[in-house]
Amino acid sequence: MVAISFFIEDAAQSKSTLVAGLIAAVTIAAIPIYDINSWSLTKRSLVHFLAMLATVFPLLLFSEWFTLPVAISVFLLFGIVGWTIGYVVYRVQEKKQA
């Protein structure tokens, strides 16, 4: 998506595509944080949250898709829902292996 954004003539569409691509890339790049089994779930969750706060949140603001209060709400809502889904999936997989 990032590469495609450079070939889009409409500036607003190009910016949106670039930001979406960067958000996807950063989110995917941060997934291995949860593979560090020597860390507690709390530590992994906190490090992941801080990584997202330092990268995804500024991208949301740069995108100009949302006002600041809405950006905060969207960031937290997606984070909470995403974390909860990941936690439930992990627990289900853990029970299947036991």
N, C-alpha and C. Protein backbone atom coordinates (compact mmCIF):
# COMPACT_ATOMS: atom_id res chain seq x y z
N MET A 1 0.82 -1.19 0.00
CA MET A 1 0.00 0.00 0.00
C MET A 1 0.87 1.26 0.00
N VAL A 2 1.97 1.18 0.73
CA VAL A 2 2.85 2.34 0.79
C VAL A 2 3.38 2.66 -0.60
N ALA A 3 3.84 1.65 -1.32
CA ALA A 3 4.37 1.86 -2.67
C ALA A 3 3.29 2.36 -3.61
N ILE A 4 2.10 1.80 -3.50
CA ILE A 4 0.99 2.22 -4.36
C ILE A 4 0.65 3.69 -4.13
N SER A 5 0.78 4.14 -2.90
CA SER A 5 0.39 5.52 -2.58
C SER A 5 1.17 6.55 -3.39
N PHE A 6 2.38 6.22 -3.80
CA PHE A 6 3.20 7.16 -4.57
C PHE A 6 2.73 7.31 -6.01
N PHE A 7 1.89 6.41 -6.46
CA PHE A 7 1.40 6.46 -7.84
C PHE A 7 -0.02 6.99 -7.96
N ILE A 8 -0.62 7.35 -6.85
CA ILE A 8 -1.98 7.89 -6.85
C ILE A 8 -1.90 9.39 -7.04
N GLU A 9 -2.59 9.89 -8.03
CA GLU A 9 -2.52 11.31 -8.35
C GLU A 9 -3.27 12.19 -7.37
N ASP A 10 -4.40 11.74 -6.87
CA ASP A 10 -5.18 12.53 -5.92
C ASP A 10 -4.42 12.58 -4.59
N ALA A 11 -4.06 13.78 -4.15
CA ALA A 11 -3.22 13.94 -2.96
C ALA A 11 -3.86 13.36 -1.70
N ALA A 12 -5.13 13.62 -1.51
CA ALA A 12 -5.81 13.14 -0.31
C ALA A 12 -5.87 11.61 -0.31
N GLN A 13 -6.18 11.03 -1.45
CA GLN A 13 -6.24 9.56 -1.55
C GLN A 13 -4.86 8.95 -1.37
N SER A 14 -3.85 9.60 -1.93
CA SER A 14 -2.48 9.12 -1.79
C SER A 14 -2.05 9.12 -0.32
N LYS A 15 -2.36 10.21 0.37
CA LYS A 15 -2.01 10.32 1.79
C LYS A 15 -2.74 9.25 2.62
N SER A 16 -4.01 9.06 2.35
CA SER A 16 -4.78 8.05 3.08
C SER A 16 -4.24 6.65 2.85
N THR A 17 -3.89 6.35 1.62
CA THR A 17 -3.34 5.03 1.29
C THR A 17 -1.99 4.84 1.97
N LEU A 18 -1.17 5.88 1.96
CA LEU A 18 0.13 5.82 2.62
C LEU A 18 -0.04 5.56 4.12
N VAL A 19 -0.91 6.32 4.77
CA VAL A 19 -1.11 6.17 6.20
C VAL A 19 -1.67 4.78 6.52
N ALA A 20 -2.62 4.31 5.76
CA ALA A 20 -3.19 2.98 5.99
C ALA A 20 -2.11 1.90 5.85
N GLY A 21 -1.27 2.04 4.85
CA GLY A 21 -0.18 1.09 4.65
C GLY A 21 0.82 1.11 5.80
N LEU A 22 1.15 2.30 6.28
CA LEU A 22 2.09 2.42 7.40
C LEU A 22 1.50 1.85 8.69
N ILE A 23 0.23 2.12 8.92
CA ILE A 23 -0.43 1.57 10.12
C ILE A 23 -0.43 0.05 10.05
N ALA A 24 -0.76 -0.51 8.90
CA ALA A 24 -0.76 -1.97 8.75
C ALA A 24 0.64 -2.54 8.97
N ALA A 25 1.64 -1.89 8.38
CA ALA A 25 3.03 -2.38 8.50
C ALA A 25 3.51 -2.34 9.95
N VAL A 26 3.25 -1.24 10.63
CA VAL A 26 3.69 -1.10 12.02
C VAL A 26 2.98 -2.11 12.91
N THR A 27 1.70 -2.28 12.69
CA THR A 27 0.92 -3.22 13.50
C THR A 27 1.44 -4.64 13.31
N ILE A 28 1.68 -5.03 12.08
CA ILE A 28 2.20 -6.37 11.80
C ILE A 28 3.61 -6.54 12.36
N ALA A 29 4.43 -5.50 12.25
CA ALA A 29 5.80 -5.57 12.76
C ALA A 29 5.85 -5.72 14.28
N ALA A 30 4.82 -5.26 14.97
CA ALA A 30 4.81 -5.32 16.44
C ALA A 30 4.26 -6.63 16.99
N ILE A 31 3.68 -7.46 16.16
CA ILE A 31 3.11 -8.72 16.62
C ILE A 31 4.13 -9.61 17.34
N PRO A 32 5.38 -9.70 16.88
CA PRO A 32 6.34 -10.57 17.57
C PRO A 32 6.61 -10.22 19.03
N ILE A 33 6.19 -9.05 19.47
CA ILE A 33 6.32 -8.72 20.89
C ILE A 33 5.63 -9.78 21.74
N TYR A 34 4.52 -10.32 21.23
CA TYR A 34 3.78 -11.32 21.99
C TYR A 34 4.43 -12.71 21.94
N ASP A 35 5.49 -12.86 21.16
CA ASP A 35 6.21 -14.13 21.11
C ASP A 35 7.35 -14.20 22.13
N ILE A 36 7.55 -13.14 22.88
CA ILE A 36 8.61 -13.12 23.89
C ILE A 36 8.06 -13.77 25.16
N ASN A 37 8.17 -15.08 25.20
CA ASN A 37 7.55 -15.85 26.29
C ASN A 37 8.21 -15.64 27.64
N SER A 38 9.41 -15.09 27.67
CA SER A 38 10.06 -14.83 28.95
C SER A 38 9.47 -13.61 29.65
N TRP A 39 8.67 -12.83 28.93
CA TRP A 39 8.00 -11.66 29.51
C TRP A 39 6.59 -12.05 29.95
N SER A 40 6.10 -11.40 30.97
CA SER A 40 4.72 -11.62 31.39
C SER A 40 3.77 -11.02 30.35
N LEU A 41 2.53 -11.46 30.38
CA LEU A 41 1.53 -10.90 29.46
C LEU A 41 1.37 -9.40 29.71
N THR A 42 1.46 -9.01 30.96
CA THR A 42 1.34 -7.58 31.29
C THR A 42 2.46 -6.78 30.63
N LYS A 43 3.69 -7.27 30.72
CA LYS A 43 4.82 -6.56 30.12
C LYS A 43 4.70 -6.52 28.60
N ARG A 44 4.35 -7.65 28.00
CA ARG A 44 4.19 -7.68 26.54
C ARG A 44 3.09 -6.72 26.10
N SER A 45 1.99 -6.71 26.83
CA SER A 45 0.87 -5.82 26.49
C SER A 45 1.28 -4.36 26.62
N LEU A 46 2.01 -4.03 27.67
CA LEU A 46 2.44 -2.65 27.89
C LEU A 46 3.43 -2.20 26.81
N VAL A 47 4.39 -3.04 26.49
CA VAL A 47 5.37 -2.70 25.45
C VAL A 47 4.66 -2.53 24.11
N HIS A 48 3.72 -3.42 23.80
CA HIS A 48 2.98 -3.32 22.55
C HIS A 48 2.16 -2.04 22.53
N PHE A 49 1.48 -1.73 23.63
CA PHE A 49 0.70 -0.50 23.70
C PHE A 49 1.58 0.72 23.48
N LEU A 50 2.73 0.76 24.13
CA LEU A 50 3.64 1.91 23.97
C LEU A 50 4.17 2.01 22.54
N ALA A 51 4.45 0.87 21.92
CA ALA A 51 4.90 0.88 20.52
C ALA A 51 3.80 1.44 19.61
N MET A 52 2.56 1.02 19.86
CA MET A 52 1.45 1.53 19.06
C MET A 52 1.20 3.01 19.33
N LEU A 53 1.35 3.40 20.58
CA LEU A 53 1.16 4.80 20.95
C LEU A 53 2.19 5.69 20.27
N ALA A 54 3.41 5.19 20.14
CA ALA A 54 4.49 5.97 19.53
C ALA A 54 4.44 5.97 18.01
N THR A 55 3.72 5.04 17.41
CA THR A 55 3.72 4.94 15.95
C THR A 55 2.33 5.13 15.34
N VAL A 56 1.39 4.29 15.73
CA VAL A 56 0.06 4.32 15.11
C VAL A 56 -0.70 5.59 15.49
N PHE A 57 -0.65 5.98 16.75
CA PHE A 57 -1.41 7.16 17.16
C PHE A 57 -0.98 8.42 16.40
N PRO A 58 0.32 8.69 16.27
CA PRO A 58 0.71 9.86 15.46
C PRO A 58 0.26 9.74 13.99
N LEU A 59 0.26 8.52 13.47
CA LEU A 59 -0.22 8.33 12.10
C LEU A 59 -1.70 8.66 11.98
N LEU A 60 -2.47 8.30 13.00
CA LEU A 60 -3.90 8.66 12.99
C LEU A 60 -4.07 10.17 12.98
N LEU A 61 -3.26 10.86 13.76
CA LEU A 61 -3.35 12.32 13.79
C LEU A 61 -2.90 12.92 12.46
N PHE A 62 -1.80 12.39 11.90
CA PHE A 62 -1.28 12.88 10.63
C PHE A 62 -2.29 12.67 9.50
N SER A 63 -3.04 11.59 9.59
CA SER A 63 -4.00 11.27 8.53
C SER A 63 -5.11 12.31 8.42
N GLU A 64 -5.39 12.98 9.54
CA GLU A 64 -6.47 13.95 9.61
C GLU A 64 -7.84 13.31 9.38
N TRP A 65 -7.94 12.02 9.65
CA TRP A 65 -9.22 11.32 9.52
C TRP A 65 -10.14 11.66 10.68
N PHE A 66 -9.55 11.96 11.83
CA PHE A 66 -10.32 12.17 13.05
C PHE A 66 -9.86 13.43 13.78
N THR A 67 -10.77 13.97 14.58
CA THR A 67 -10.36 15.01 15.52
C THR A 67 -9.59 14.32 16.65
N LEU A 68 -8.90 15.08 17.47
CA LEU A 68 -8.10 14.49 18.55
C LEU A 68 -8.93 13.60 19.48
N PRO A 69 -10.08 14.07 19.99
CA PRO A 69 -10.85 13.19 20.89
C PRO A 69 -11.32 11.90 20.20
N VAL A 70 -11.70 12.01 18.95
CA VAL A 70 -12.15 10.81 18.22
C VAL A 70 -10.96 9.89 17.95
N ALA A 71 -9.81 10.45 17.62
CA ALA A 71 -8.60 9.64 17.38
C ALA A 71 -8.23 8.86 18.64
N ILE A 72 -8.30 9.51 19.79
CA ILE A 72 -8.01 8.83 21.06
C ILE A 72 -9.00 7.69 21.28
N SER A 73 -10.26 7.95 21.05
CA SER A 73 -11.30 6.94 21.23
C SER A 73 -11.10 5.76 20.28
N VAL A 74 -10.85 6.05 19.02
CA VAL A 74 -10.65 4.99 18.02
C VAL A 74 -9.42 4.16 18.38
N PHE A 75 -8.33 4.84 18.74
CA PHE A 75 -7.09 4.16 19.11
C PHE A 75 -7.33 3.20 20.29
N LEU A 76 -7.97 3.71 21.33
CA LEU A 76 -8.21 2.88 22.51
C LEU A 76 -9.21 1.76 22.23
N LEU A 77 -10.27 2.07 21.48
CA LEU A 77 -11.28 1.05 21.17
C LEU A 77 -10.67 -0.09 20.36
N PHE A 78 -9.95 0.26 19.31
CA PHE A 78 -9.33 -0.79 18.49
C PHE A 78 -8.30 -1.58 19.31
N GLY A 79 -7.56 -0.89 20.17
CA GLY A 79 -6.58 -1.56 21.00
C GLY A 79 -7.22 -2.54 21.96
N ILE A 80 -8.26 -2.11 22.62
CA ILE A 80 -8.95 -2.97 23.60
C ILE A 80 -9.61 -4.16 22.91
N VAL A 81 -10.30 -3.89 21.81
CA VAL A 81 -10.96 -4.99 21.07
C VAL A 81 -9.92 -5.95 20.51
N GLY A 82 -8.87 -5.41 19.91
CA GLY A 82 -7.81 -6.26 19.35
C GLY A 82 -7.13 -7.11 20.40
N TRP A 83 -6.81 -6.50 21.53
CA TRP A 83 -6.16 -7.23 22.62
C TRP A 83 -7.08 -8.33 23.15
N THR A 84 -8.35 -8.02 23.32
CA THR A 84 -9.32 -8.99 23.84
C THR A 84 -9.47 -10.17 22.89
N ILE A 85 -9.59 -9.89 21.61
CA ILE A 85 -9.70 -10.98 20.63
C ILE A 85 -8.45 -11.85 20.66
N GLY A 86 -7.28 -11.22 20.68
CA GLY A 86 -6.02 -11.97 20.75
C GLY A 86 -5.94 -12.82 22.00
N TYR A 87 -6.37 -12.28 23.12
CA TYR A 87 -6.34 -13.01 24.39
C TYR A 87 -7.26 -14.23 24.34
N VAL A 88 -8.47 -14.04 23.84
CA VAL A 88 -9.43 -15.14 23.75
C VAL A 88 -8.91 -16.24 22.82
N VAL A 89 -8.39 -15.85 21.66
CA VAL A 89 -7.85 -16.83 20.71
C VAL A 89 -6.69 -17.60 21.35
N TYR A 90 -5.82 -16.89 22.04
CA TYR A 90 -4.68 -17.53 22.71
C TYR A 90 -5.16 -18.55 23.74
N ARG A 91 -6.13 -18.17 24.55
CA ARG A 91 -6.64 -19.08 25.58
C ARG A 91 -7.31 -20.31 24.97
N VAL A 92 -8.04 -20.13 23.88
CA VAL A 92 -8.68 -21.26 23.20
C VAL A 92 -7.62 -22.21 22.66
N GLN A 93 -6.59 -21.66 22.04
CA GLN A 93 -5.50 -22.50 21.51
C GLN A 93 -4.77 -23.22 22.63
N GLU A 94 -4.58 -22.52 23.75
CA GLU A 94 -3.90 -23.11 24.90
C GLU A 94 -4.69 -24.31 25.44
N LYS A 95 -6.01 -24.19 25.50
CA LYS A 95 -6.84 -25.28 25.99
C LYS A 95 -6.80 -26.47 25.04
N LYS A 96 -6.74 -26.23 23.74
CA LYS A 96 -6.67 -27.32 22.76
C LYS A 96 -5.37 -28.10 22.89
N GLN A 97 -4.30 -27.41 23.24
CA GLN A 97 -2.98 -28.06 23.36
C GLN A 97 -2.84 -28.82 24.67
N ALA A 98 -3.63 -28.48 25.65
CA ALA A 98 -3.51 -29.12 26.98
C ALA A 98 -4.18 -30.47 27.03
